[in-house]
Amino acid sequence: MSAKFGPAGNSEAFSIKYKTTLQAPGYLEVMGLDHYEYQCGRGVKVSDKIAFALKDKAKEHNITLSLHAPYFISLSSLEAEKRDNSINYILQSCDAASRMGADRIVIHSGSCAKISREDALELAKDTLTRARKTAVEQGFEHIVFCPETMGKVNQLGNLTEVLELCKLDDTFLPTIDFGHLNAREFGYIKGKAEYEKMLDEVENAIGHDRLKIFHSHFSKIMFTNPGGEKKHLTFDDNQGFGPDYEPLMEIVAKKDLSPIFVCESAGTQDKDALTMKNYYLSVK
């Protein structure tokens, strides 16, 4: 197995030329990409007509799918109602993903601005455990939960915290957003050493089998100190902000890992995903 690459949603270039997401799988296959992450960040509104058609198109063009659950999910909210609503959003995401043939959903973990990181993590664990239990009861055991590392300092979701969430269930995979991790630590990633350390932490926490197939977001992200993430950039317009993808691709190839890399560049996510894939293939 090899790593897979694709965009988060539709790029500016795609949107100028095409009218519907149903055309994305064919477009991506022609480009040479393998994956597409459907965006439900502002809510899960996917009709059966769209879901089933996208499933067929993705299969026809050899594109695998994942789904980004709503941004407003907060597993660690101090308000019980918001945590319960977050479970409902996760279940809606499972349903949409299942209908379109996606097998992974990306989940934001929430905030820790008003409570300690430890207390926020405990709330998040409870919420995610209840969400998984209900998902299985509703027949969505085949949908993989992928908690995401976050880019702002006051958000729950550094790598260690996400791995703690992944320990809740053997099927969970981390969404390692390397741009987020670099931003929340103000340019921490300098090269191979930092990437190696992160991947070693994943393997030590949840084992090699899950390291091999982790989910990932990648983009260059502008950040501020002390806040962290400010905005996503493109590979061409990185303004001195990282991280660089080349050392990571070299490590993934050397270790024979097969993650899914979803590019979240600002408007050029398909082009930049292909840049990463081509470099990965050149060193594999």
C-alpha atoms as a PDB file:
ATOM      1  CA  MET A   1       0.000   0.000   0.000  1.00  0.00           C
ATOM      2  CA  SER A   2       1.063   3.568  -0.665  1.00  0.00           C
ATOM      3  CA  ALA A   3       0.112   6.909   0.800  1.00  0.00           C
ATOM      4  CA  LYS A   4      -2.894   8.627  -0.760  1.00  0.00           C
ATOM      5  CA  PHE A   5      -3.282  12.310  -1.527  1.00  0.00           C
ATOM      6  CA  GLY A   6      -6.166  14.638  -2.233  1.00  0.00           C
ATOM      7  CA  PRO A   7      -7.825  17.970  -1.442  1.00  0.00           C
ATOM      8  CA  ALA A   8     -10.140  19.150   1.294  1.00  0.00           C
ATOM      9  CA  GLY A   9     -13.161  20.222  -0.716  1.00  0.00           C
ATOM     10  CA  ASN A  10     -13.001  21.999  -4.052  1.00  0.00           C
ATOM     11  CA  SER A  11     -10.170  24.270  -5.138  1.00  0.00           C
ATOM     12  CA  GLU A  12     -10.549  27.637  -6.824  1.00  0.00           C
ATOM     13  CA  ALA A  13      -9.432  26.125 -10.130  1.00  0.00           C
ATOM     14  CA  PHE A  14     -12.053  23.378  -9.899  1.00  0.00           C
ATOM     15  CA  SER A  15     -14.832  25.775  -8.924  1.00  0.00           C
ATOM     16  CA  ILE A  16     -14.147  28.027 -11.922  1.00  0.00           C
ATOM     17  CA  LYS A  17     -14.407  25.157 -14.389  1.00  0.00           C
ATOM     18  CA  TYR A  18     -16.969  22.815 -12.832  1.00  0.00           C
ATOM     19  CA  LYS A  19     -20.419  23.256 -11.306  1.00  0.00           C
ATOM     20  CA  THR A  20     -20.862  20.304  -8.962  1.00  0.00           C
ATOM     21  CA  THR A  21     -18.855  18.243  -6.497  1.00  0.00           C
ATOM     22  CA  LEU A  22     -20.019  15.154  -8.375  1.00  0.00           C
ATOM     23  CA  GLN A  23     -17.436  16.104 -11.002  1.00  0.00           C
ATOM     24  CA  ALA A  24     -14.612  16.111  -8.436  1.00  0.00           C
ATOM     25  CA  PRO A  25     -13.697  12.393  -8.556  1.00  0.00           C
ATOM     26  CA  GLY A  26     -13.177  12.444 -12.335  1.00  0.00           C
ATOM     27  CA  TYR A  27     -11.238  15.700 -12.097  1.00  0.00           C
ATOM     28  CA  LEU A  28      -8.984  14.325  -9.366  1.00  0.00           C
ATOM     29  CA  GLU A  29      -8.337  11.053 -11.190  1.00  0.00           C
ATOM     30  CA  VAL A  30      -7.185  12.956 -14.273  1.00  0.00           C
ATOM     31  CA  MET A  31      -4.876  15.056 -12.075  1.00  0.00           C
ATOM     32  CA  GLY A  32      -3.372  11.905 -10.601  1.00  0.00           C
ATOM     33  CA  LEU A  33      -4.805  12.179  -7.082  1.00  0.00           C
ATOM     34  CA  ASP A  34      -6.427   9.405  -5.029  1.00  0.00           C
ATOM     35  CA  HIS A  35      -8.592  10.933  -2.320  1.00  0.00           C
ATOM     36  CA  TYR A  36     -11.257  13.561  -1.620  1.00  0.00           C
ATOM     37  CA  GLU A  37     -12.402  14.925   1.726  1.00  0.00           C
ATOM     38  CA  TYR A  38     -16.021  16.071   1.653  1.00  0.00           C
ATOM     39  CA  GLN A  39     -16.589  19.194   3.724  1.00  0.00           C
ATOM     40  CA  CYS A  40     -19.455  19.352   6.231  1.00  0.00           C
ATOM     41  CA  GLY A  41     -17.802  22.027   8.338  1.00  0.00           C
ATOM     42  CA  ARG A  42     -20.879  24.237   8.427  1.00  0.00           C
ATOM     43  CA  GLY A  43     -23.337  21.416   8.960  1.00  0.00           C
ATOM     44  CA  VAL A  44     -24.277  18.022   7.554  1.00  0.00           C
ATOM     45  CA  LYS A  45     -26.628  18.653   4.651  1.00  0.00           C
ATOM     46  CA  VAL A  46     -26.131  15.778   2.222  1.00  0.00           C
ATOM     47  CA  SER A  47     -29.140  14.442   0.340  1.00  0.00           C
ATOM     48  CA  ASP A  48     -29.402  10.791  -0.629  1.00  0.00           C
ATOM     49  CA  LYS A  49     -29.245  11.848  -4.274  1.00  0.00           C
ATOM     50  CA  ILE A  50     -25.885  13.583  -3.825  1.00  0.00           C
ATOM     51  CA  ALA A  51     -24.465  10.971  -1.448  1.00  0.00           C
ATOM     52  CA  PHE A  52     -25.261   7.969  -3.619  1.00  0.00           C
ATOM     53  CA  ALA A  53     -24.133   9.713  -6.809  1.00  0.00           C
ATOM     54  CA  LEU A  54     -20.830  10.731  -5.206  1.00  0.00           C
ATOM     55  CA  LYS A  55     -20.317   7.170  -3.996  1.00  0.00           C
ATOM     56  CA  ASP A  56     -20.744   5.878  -7.548  1.00  0.00           C
ATOM     57  CA  LYS A  57     -18.481   8.551  -9.054  1.00  0.00           C
ATOM     58  CA  ALA A  58     -15.753   7.961  -6.481  1.00  0.00           C
ATOM     59  CA  LYS A  59     -15.822   4.233  -7.158  1.00  0.00           C
ATOM     60  CA  GLU A  60     -15.778   4.807 -10.919  1.00  0.00           C
ATOM     61  CA  HIS A  61     -12.699   7.023 -10.687  1.00  0.00           C
ATOM     62  CA  ASN A  62     -10.810   5.134  -7.930  1.00  0.00           C
ATOM     63  CA  ILE A  63     -11.081   7.954  -5.399  1.00  0.00           C
ATOM     64  CA  THR A  64     -11.409   7.157  -1.711  1.00  0.00           C
ATOM     65  CA  LEU A  65     -13.477   9.475   0.477  1.00  0.00           C
ATOM     66  CA  SER A  66     -13.427  10.929   3.957  1.00  0.00           C
ATOM     67  CA  LEU A  67     -15.737  13.504   5.542  1.00  0.00           C
ATOM     68  CA  HIS A  68     -14.965  16.494   7.739  1.00  0.00           C
ATOM     69  CA  ALA A  69     -17.551  16.746  10.510  1.00  0.00           C
ATOM     70  CA  PRO A  70     -18.929  20.184  11.517  1.00  0.00           C
ATOM     71  CA  TYR A  71     -16.431  22.700  12.871  1.00  0.00           C
ATOM     72  CA  PHE A  72     -18.727  23.620  15.745  1.00  0.00           C
ATOM     73  CA  ILE A  73     -18.388  20.221  17.401  1.00  0.00           C
ATOM     74  CA  SER A  74     -17.004  20.734  20.905  1.00  0.00           C
ATOM     75  CA  LEU A  75     -16.340  17.522  22.774  1.00  0.00           C
ATOM     76  CA  SER A  76     -15.072  19.503  25.756  1.00  0.00           C
ATOM     77  CA  SER A  77     -17.770  22.158  26.120  1.00  0.00           C
ATOM     78  CA  LEU A  78     -18.712  23.090  29.678  1.00  0.00           C
ATOM     79  CA  GLU A  79     -22.346  22.973  28.593  1.00  0.00           C
ATOM     80  CA  ALA A  80     -23.837  19.474  28.608  1.00  0.00           C
ATOM     81  CA  GLU A  81     -26.291  20.449  25.883  1.00  0.00           C
ATOM     82  CA  LYS A  82     -23.444  21.429  23.535  1.00  0.00           C
ATOM     83  CA  ARG A  83     -21.676  18.143  24.211  1.00  0.00           C
ATOM     84  CA  ASP A  84     -24.886  16.233  23.481  1.00  0.00           C
ATOM     85  CA  ASN A  85     -25.387  18.273  20.308  1.00  0.00           C
ATOM     86  CA  SER A  86     -21.836  17.406  19.306  1.00  0.00           C
ATOM     87  CA  ILE A  87     -22.706  13.724  19.571  1.00  0.00           C
ATOM     88  CA  ASN A  88     -25.653  14.327  17.259  1.00  0.00           C
ATOM     89  CA  TYR A  89     -23.407  16.107  14.734  1.00  0.00           C
ATOM     90  CA  ILE A  90     -21.008  13.171  14.832  1.00  0.00           C
ATOM     91  CA  LEU A  91     -23.870  10.734  14.215  1.00  0.00           C
ATOM     92  CA  GLN A  92     -25.108  12.873  11.314  1.00  0.00           C
ATOM     93  CA  SER A  93     -21.571  12.803   9.911  1.00  0.00           C
ATOM     94  CA  CYS A  94     -21.441   9.018  10.254  1.00  0.00           C
ATOM     95  CA  ASP A  95     -24.718   8.718   8.380  1.00  0.00           C
ATOM     96  CA  ALA A  96     -23.613  10.990   5.536  1.00  0.00           C
ATOM     97  CA  ALA A  97     -20.220   9.298   5.307  1.00  0.00           C
ATOM     98  CA  SER A  98     -21.819   5.868   5.211  1.00  0.00           C
ATOM     99  CA  ARG A  99     -24.217   6.863   2.430  1.00  0.00           C
ATOM    100  CA  MET A 100     -21.446   8.315   0.251  1.00  0.00           C
ATOM    101  CA  GLY A 101     -19.032   5.448   0.867  1.00  0.00           C
ATOM    102  CA  ALA A 102     -16.551   7.365   3.027  1.00  0.00           C
ATOM    103  CA  ASP A 103     -14.997   5.392   5.860  1.00  0.00           C
ATOM    104  CA  ARG A 104     -13.382   8.160   7.954  1.00  0.00           C
ATOM    105  CA  ILE A 105     -14.767  11.256   9.661  1.00  0.00           C
ATOM    106  CA  VAL A 106     -12.543  14.051  10.972  1.00  0.00           C
ATOM    107  CA  ILE A 107     -13.638  15.458  14.333  1.00  0.00           C
ATOM    108  CA  HIS A 108     -12.611  18.675  16.101  1.00  0.00           C
ATOM    109  CA  SER A 109     -12.033  18.172  19.812  1.00  0.00           C
ATOM    110  CA  GLY A 110     -13.069  21.506  21.299  1.00  0.00           C
ATOM    111  CA  SER A 111     -11.764  24.301  23.485  1.00  0.00           C
ATOM    112  CA  CYS A 112      -9.907  24.468  26.771  1.00  0.00           C
ATOM    113  CA  ALA A 113      -9.933  28.261  27.090  1.00  0.00           C
ATOM    114  CA  LYS A 114     -12.070  28.303  30.241  1.00  0.00           C
ATOM    115  CA  ILE A 115     -10.891  25.145  32.019  1.00  0.00           C
ATOM    116  CA  SER A 116      -7.667  23.228  32.459  1.00  0.00           C
ATOM    117  CA  ARG A 117      -6.418  21.063  29.624  1.00  0.00           C
ATOM    118  CA  GLU A 118      -6.798  18.021  31.881  1.00  0.00           C
ATOM    119  CA  ASP A 119     -10.461  18.746  32.649  1.00  0.00           C
ATOM    120  CA  ALA A 120     -11.189  19.504  28.997  1.00  0.00           C
ATOM    121  CA  LEU A 121      -9.628  16.199  27.951  1.00  0.00           C
ATOM    122  CA  GLU A 122     -11.757  14.260  30.433  1.00  0.00           C
ATOM    123  CA  LEU A 123     -14.919  15.886  29.103  1.00  0.00           C
ATOM    124  CA  ALA A 124     -13.840  15.139  25.542  1.00  0.00           C
ATOM    125  CA  LYS A 125     -13.146  11.499  26.385  1.00  0.00           C
ATOM    126  CA  ASP A 126     -16.598  11.077  27.859  1.00  0.00           C
ATOM    127  CA  THR A 127     -18.313  12.751  24.896  1.00  0.00           C
ATOM    128  CA  LEU A 128     -16.386  10.781  22.292  1.00  0.00           C
ATOM    129  CA  THR A 129     -16.954   7.496  24.134  1.00  0.00           C
ATOM    130  CA  ARG A 130     -20.703   8.120  24.194  1.00  0.00           C
ATOM    131  CA  ALA A 131     -20.646   9.139  20.535  1.00  0.00           C
ATOM    132  CA  ARG A 132     -18.866   5.944  19.542  1.00  0.00           C
ATOM    133  CA  LYS A 133     -21.209   3.752  21.580  1.00  0.00           C
ATOM    134  CA  THR A 134     -24.252   5.309  19.936  1.00  0.00           C
ATOM    135  CA  ALA A 135     -22.676   5.160  16.475  1.00  0.00           C
ATOM    136  CA  VAL A 136     -22.101   1.427  16.843  1.00  0.00           C
ATOM    137  CA  GLU A 137     -25.663   0.945  18.117  1.00  0.00           C
ATOM    138  CA  GLN A 138     -26.937   2.758  15.025  1.00  0.00           C
ATOM    139  CA  GLY A 139     -24.931   0.556  12.641  1.00  0.00           C
ATOM    140  CA  PHE A 140     -22.009   2.867  11.941  1.00  0.00           C
ATOM    141  CA  GLU A 141     -19.262   0.688  13.392  1.00  0.00           C
ATOM    142  CA  HIS A 142     -17.492   0.769   9.989  1.00  0.00           C
ATOM    143  CA  ILE A 143     -16.968   4.546  10.211  1.00  0.00           C
ATOM    144  CA  VAL A 144     -13.561   5.434  11.672  1.00  0.00           C
ATOM    145  CA  PHE A 145     -13.432   8.386  14.084  1.00  0.00           C
ATOM    146  CA  CYS A 146     -10.389  10.589  13.409  1.00  0.00           C
ATOM    147  CA  PRO A 147      -9.894  13.244  16.135  1.00  0.00           C
ATOM    148  CA  GLU A 148      -7.875  16.161  14.781  1.00  0.00           C
ATOM    149  CA  THR A 149      -4.891  18.052  16.154  1.00  0.00           C
ATOM    150  CA  MET A 150      -5.776  21.744  16.365  1.00  0.00           C
ATOM    151  CA  GLY A 151      -3.876  24.923  15.544  1.00  0.00           C
ATOM    152  CA  LYS A 152      -4.795  27.410  18.259  1.00  0.00           C
ATOM    153  CA  VAL A 153      -3.154  27.302  21.666  1.00  0.00           C
ATOM    154  CA  ASN A 154      -6.451  27.568  23.564  1.00  0.00           C
ATOM    155  CA  GLN A 155      -7.948  24.601  21.699  1.00  0.00           C
ATOM    156  CA  LEU A 156      -7.843  21.057  22.973  1.00  0.00           C
ATOM    157  CA  GLY A 157      -5.914  18.990  20.494  1.00  0.00           C
ATOM    158  CA  ASN A 158      -2.158  18.879  20.751  1.00  0.00           C
ATOM    159  CA  LEU A 159      -0.722  15.584  19.540  1.00  0.00           C
ATOM    160  CA  THR A 160      -0.598  13.981  22.977  1.00  0.00           C
ATOM    161  CA  GLU A 161      -4.229  14.910  23.680  1.00  0.00           C
ATOM    162  CA  VAL A 162      -5.442  13.557  20.356  1.00  0.00           C
ATOM    163  CA  LEU A 163      -3.584  10.302  20.957  1.00  0.00           C
ATOM    164  CA  GLU A 164      -5.288  10.041  24.372  1.00  0.00           C
ATOM    165  CA  LEU A 165      -8.617  10.310  22.555  1.00  0.00           C
ATOM    166  CA  CYS A 166      -7.516   7.640  20.092  1.00  0.00           C
ATOM    167  CA  LYS A 167      -6.769   5.264  22.968  1.00  0.00           C
ATOM    168  CA  LEU A 168     -10.495   5.176  23.752  1.00  0.00           C
ATOM    169  CA  ASP A 169     -11.172   2.736  20.920  1.00  0.00           C
ATOM    170  CA  ASP A 170      -8.920   0.472  18.865  1.00  0.00           C
ATOM    171  CA  THR A 171     -10.529   1.706  15.648  1.00  0.00           C
ATOM    172  CA  PHE A 172      -9.818   5.426  16.161  1.00  0.00           C
ATOM    173  CA  LEU A 173      -7.127   7.063  14.027  1.00  0.00           C
ATOM    174  CA  PRO A 174      -5.539  10.460  14.623  1.00  0.00           C
ATOM    175  CA  THR A 175      -5.925  13.241  12.090  1.00  0.00           C
ATOM    176  CA  ILE A 176      -2.446  14.697  12.398  1.00  0.00           C
ATOM    177  CA  ASP A 177      -2.567  18.216  11.015  1.00  0.00           C
ATOM    178  CA  PHE A 178       1.112  19.062  10.788  1.00  0.00           C
ATOM    179  CA  GLY A 179       0.383  22.685   9.895  1.00  0.00           C
ATOM    180  CA  HIS A 180      -1.736  23.000  13.034  1.00  0.00           C
ATOM    181  CA  LEU A 181       0.934  21.434  15.220  1.00  0.00           C
ATOM    182  CA  ASN A 182       3.571  23.723  13.771  1.00  0.00           C
ATOM    183  CA  ALA A 183       1.352  26.776  14.297  1.00  0.00           C
ATOM    184  CA  ARG A 184       0.351  26.024  17.871  1.00  0.00           C
ATOM    185  CA  GLU A 185       4.032  25.640  18.742  1.00  0.00           C
ATOM    186  CA  PHE A 186       5.128  28.741  16.794  1.00  0.00           C
ATOM    187  CA  GLY A 187       7.229  27.128  14.068  1.00  0.00           C
ATOM    188  CA  TYR A 188       8.343  24.035  15.969  1.00  0.00           C
ATOM    189  CA  ILE A 189       8.797  21.819  12.920  1.00  0.00           C
ATOM    190  CA  LYS A 190      12.234  22.483  11.440  1.00  0.00           C
ATOM    191  CA  GLY A 191      12.846  19.234   9.587  1.00  0.00           C
ATOM    192  CA  LYS A 192      13.073  15.474   9.893  1.00  0.00           C
ATOM    193  CA  ALA A 193      13.881  15.360  13.601  1.00  0.00           C
ATOM    194  CA  GLU A 194      10.568  16.930  14.647  1.00  0.00           C
ATOM    195  CA  TYR A 195       8.535  14.782  12.259  1.00  0.00           C
ATOM    196  CA  GLU A 196      10.324  11.647  13.485  1.00  0.00           C
ATOM    197  CA  LYS A 197       9.563  12.582  17.082  1.00  0.00           C
ATOM    198  CA  MET A 198       5.868  13.054  16.306  1.00  0.00           C
ATOM    199  CA  LEU A 199       5.535   9.773  14.433  1.00  0.00           C
ATOM    200  CA  ASP A 200       7.421   7.941  17.184  1.00  0.00           C
ATOM    201  CA  GLU A 201       4.937   9.363  19.711  1.00  0.00           C
ATOM    202  CA  VAL A 202       2.056   8.046  17.617  1.00  0.00           C
ATOM    203  CA  GLU A 203       3.574   4.580  17.389  1.00  0.00           C
ATOM    204  CA  ASN A 204       4.362   4.454  21.102  1.00  0.00           C
ATOM    205  CA  ALA A 205       0.846   5.563  22.026  1.00  0.00           C
ATOM    206  CA  ILE A 206      -1.367   3.532  19.681  1.00  0.00           C
ATOM    207  CA  GLY A 207       0.926   1.071  17.910  1.00  0.00           C
ATOM    208  CA  HIS A 208       2.494   0.575  14.495  1.00  0.00           C
ATOM    209  CA  ASP A 209      -0.658  -0.735  12.811  1.00  0.00           C
ATOM    210  CA  ARG A 210      -2.477   2.539  13.387  1.00  0.00           C
ATOM    211  CA  LEU A 211       0.595   4.666  12.685  1.00  0.00           C
ATOM    212  CA  LYS A 212       0.829   2.999   9.284  1.00  0.00           C
ATOM    213  CA  ILE A 213      -2.630   4.232   8.207  1.00  0.00           C
ATOM    214  CA  PHE A 214      -3.043   7.521  10.092  1.00  0.00           C
ATOM    215  CA  HIS A 215      -5.122  10.345   8.635  1.00  0.00           C
ATOM    216  CA  SER A 216      -3.459  13.693   7.989  1.00  0.00           C
ATOM    217  CA  HIS A 217      -4.119  17.267   7.009  1.00  0.00           C
ATOM    218  CA  PHE A 218      -1.272  19.294   5.571  1.00  0.00           C
ATOM    219  CA  SER A 219      -0.900  22.958   4.667  1.00  0.00           C
ATOM    220  CA  LYS A 220       1.379  25.859   5.441  1.00  0.00           C
ATOM    221  CA  ILE A 221      -0.217  28.045   8.100  1.00  0.00           C
ATOM    222  CA  MET A 222       0.459  31.589   9.254  1.00  0.00           C
ATOM    223  CA  PHE A 223       0.590  31.846  13.041  1.00  0.00           C
ATOM    224  CA  THR A 224       0.974  34.414  15.772  1.00  0.00           C
ATOM    225  CA  ASN A 225       2.521  34.175  19.215  1.00  0.00           C
ATOM    226  CA  PRO A 226       0.835  33.505  21.617  1.00  0.00           C
ATOM    227  CA  GLY A 227      -2.374  32.618  19.731  1.00  0.00           C
ATOM    228  CA  GLY A 228      -1.202  30.028  17.223  1.00  0.00           C
ATOM    229  CA  GLU A 229      -2.978  29.456  13.899  1.00  0.00           C
ATOM    230  CA  LYS A 230      -4.049  32.580  12.005  1.00  0.00           C
ATOM    231  CA  LYS A 231      -4.766  31.487   8.423  1.00  0.00           C
ATOM    232  CA  HIS A 232      -3.987  28.832   5.843  1.00  0.00           C
ATOM    233  CA  LEU A 233      -1.545  29.658   3.043  1.00  0.00           C
ATOM    234  CA  THR A 234      -0.552  28.068  -0.265  1.00  0.00           C
ATOM    235  CA  PHE A 235       2.710  26.310  -1.039  1.00  0.00           C
ATOM    236  CA  ASP A 236       3.649  29.193  -3.364  1.00  0.00           C
ATOM    237  CA  ASP A 237       2.732  31.939  -0.878  1.00  0.00           C
ATOM    238  CA  ASN A 238       4.034  30.618   2.416  1.00  0.00           C
ATOM    239  CA  GLN A 239       5.525  33.948   3.584  1.00  0.00           C
ATOM    240  CA  GLY A 240       8.221  32.118   5.511  1.00  0.00           C
ATOM    241  CA  PHE A 241       5.752  30.012   7.482  1.00  0.00           C
ATOM    242  CA  GLY A 242       6.044  26.246   7.420  1.00  0.00           C
ATOM    243  CA  PRO A 243       6.072  23.450   7.744  1.00  0.00           C
ATOM    244  CA  ASP A 244       7.899  21.960   4.771  1.00  0.00           C
ATOM    245  CA  TYR A 245       6.389  18.770   3.367  1.00  0.00           C
ATOM    246  CA  GLU A 246       9.553  17.267   1.870  1.00  0.00           C
ATOM    247  CA  PRO A 247      11.098  15.845   5.067  1.00  0.00           C
ATOM    248  CA  LEU A 248       7.774  14.271   6.036  1.00  0.00           C
ATOM    249  CA  MET A 249       7.321  12.644   2.630  1.00  0.00           C
ATOM    250  CA  GLU A 250      10.849  11.212   2.873  1.00  0.00           C
ATOM    251  CA  ILE A 251      10.111   9.697   6.284  1.00  0.00           C
ATOM    252  CA  VAL A 252       6.727   8.273   5.223  1.00  0.00           C
ATOM    253  CA  ALA A 253       8.345   6.669   2.178  1.00  0.00           C
ATOM    254  CA  LYS A 254      11.282   5.290   4.173  1.00  0.00           C
ATOM    255  CA  LYS A 255       9.034   3.838   6.873  1.00  0.00           C
ATOM    256  CA  ASP A 256       6.675   2.390   4.238  1.00  0.00           C
ATOM    257  CA  LEU A 257       3.667   4.081   5.816  1.00  0.00           C
ATOM    258  CA  SER A 258       0.389   4.492   3.926  1.00  0.00           C
ATOM    259  CA  PRO A 259      -1.501   7.418   5.469  1.00  0.00           C
ATOM    260  CA  ILE A 260      -4.040   9.608   3.718  1.00  0.00           C
ATOM    261  CA  PHE A 261      -2.820  13.185   3.202  1.00  0.00           C
ATOM    262  CA  VAL A 262      -5.582  15.745   2.745  1.00  0.00           C
ATOM    263  CA  CYS A 263      -4.240  19.114   1.615  1.00  0.00           C
ATOM    264  CA  GLU A 264      -5.912  22.191   3.095  1.00  0.00           C
ATOM    265  CA  SER A 265      -4.017  24.904   1.234  1.00  0.00           C
ATOM    266  CA  ALA A 266      -6.020  28.101   0.712  1.00  0.00           C
ATOM    267  CA  GLY A 267      -7.592  27.593  -2.720  1.00  0.00           C
ATOM    268  CA  THR A 268      -4.816  25.479  -4.246  1.00  0.00           C
ATOM    269  CA  GLN A 269      -5.442  22.321  -2.253  1.00  0.00           C
ATOM    270  CA  ASP A 270      -5.561  20.033  -5.300  1.00  0.00           C
ATOM    271  CA  LYS A 271      -2.420  21.476  -6.919  1.00  0.00           C
ATOM    272  CA  ASP A 272      -0.488  21.340  -3.638  1.00  0.00           C
ATOM    273  CA  ALA A 273      -1.718  17.819  -2.897  1.00  0.00           C
ATOM    274  CA  LEU A 274      -0.282  16.737  -6.248  1.00  0.00           C
ATOM    275  CA  THR A 275       2.998  18.487  -5.460  1.00  0.00           C
ATOM    276  CA  MET A 276       3.241  16.439  -2.267  1.00  0.00           C
ATOM    277  CA  LYS A 277       2.319  13.215  -4.032  1.00  0.00           C
ATOM    278  CA  ASN A 278       4.856  13.722  -6.805  1.00  0.00           C
ATOM    279  CA  TYR A 279       7.615  14.367  -4.308  1.00  0.00           C
ATOM    280  CA  TYR A 280       6.572  11.326  -2.240  1.00  0.00           C
ATOM    281  CA  LEU A 281       6.700   9.125  -5.348  1.00  0.00           C
ATOM    282  CA  SER A 282      10.114  10.522  -6.264  1.00  0.00           C
ATOM    283  CA  VAL A 283      11.611   9.373  -2.959  1.00  0.00           C
ATOM    284  CA  LYS A 284       9.659   6.136  -2.473  1.00  0.00           C
END
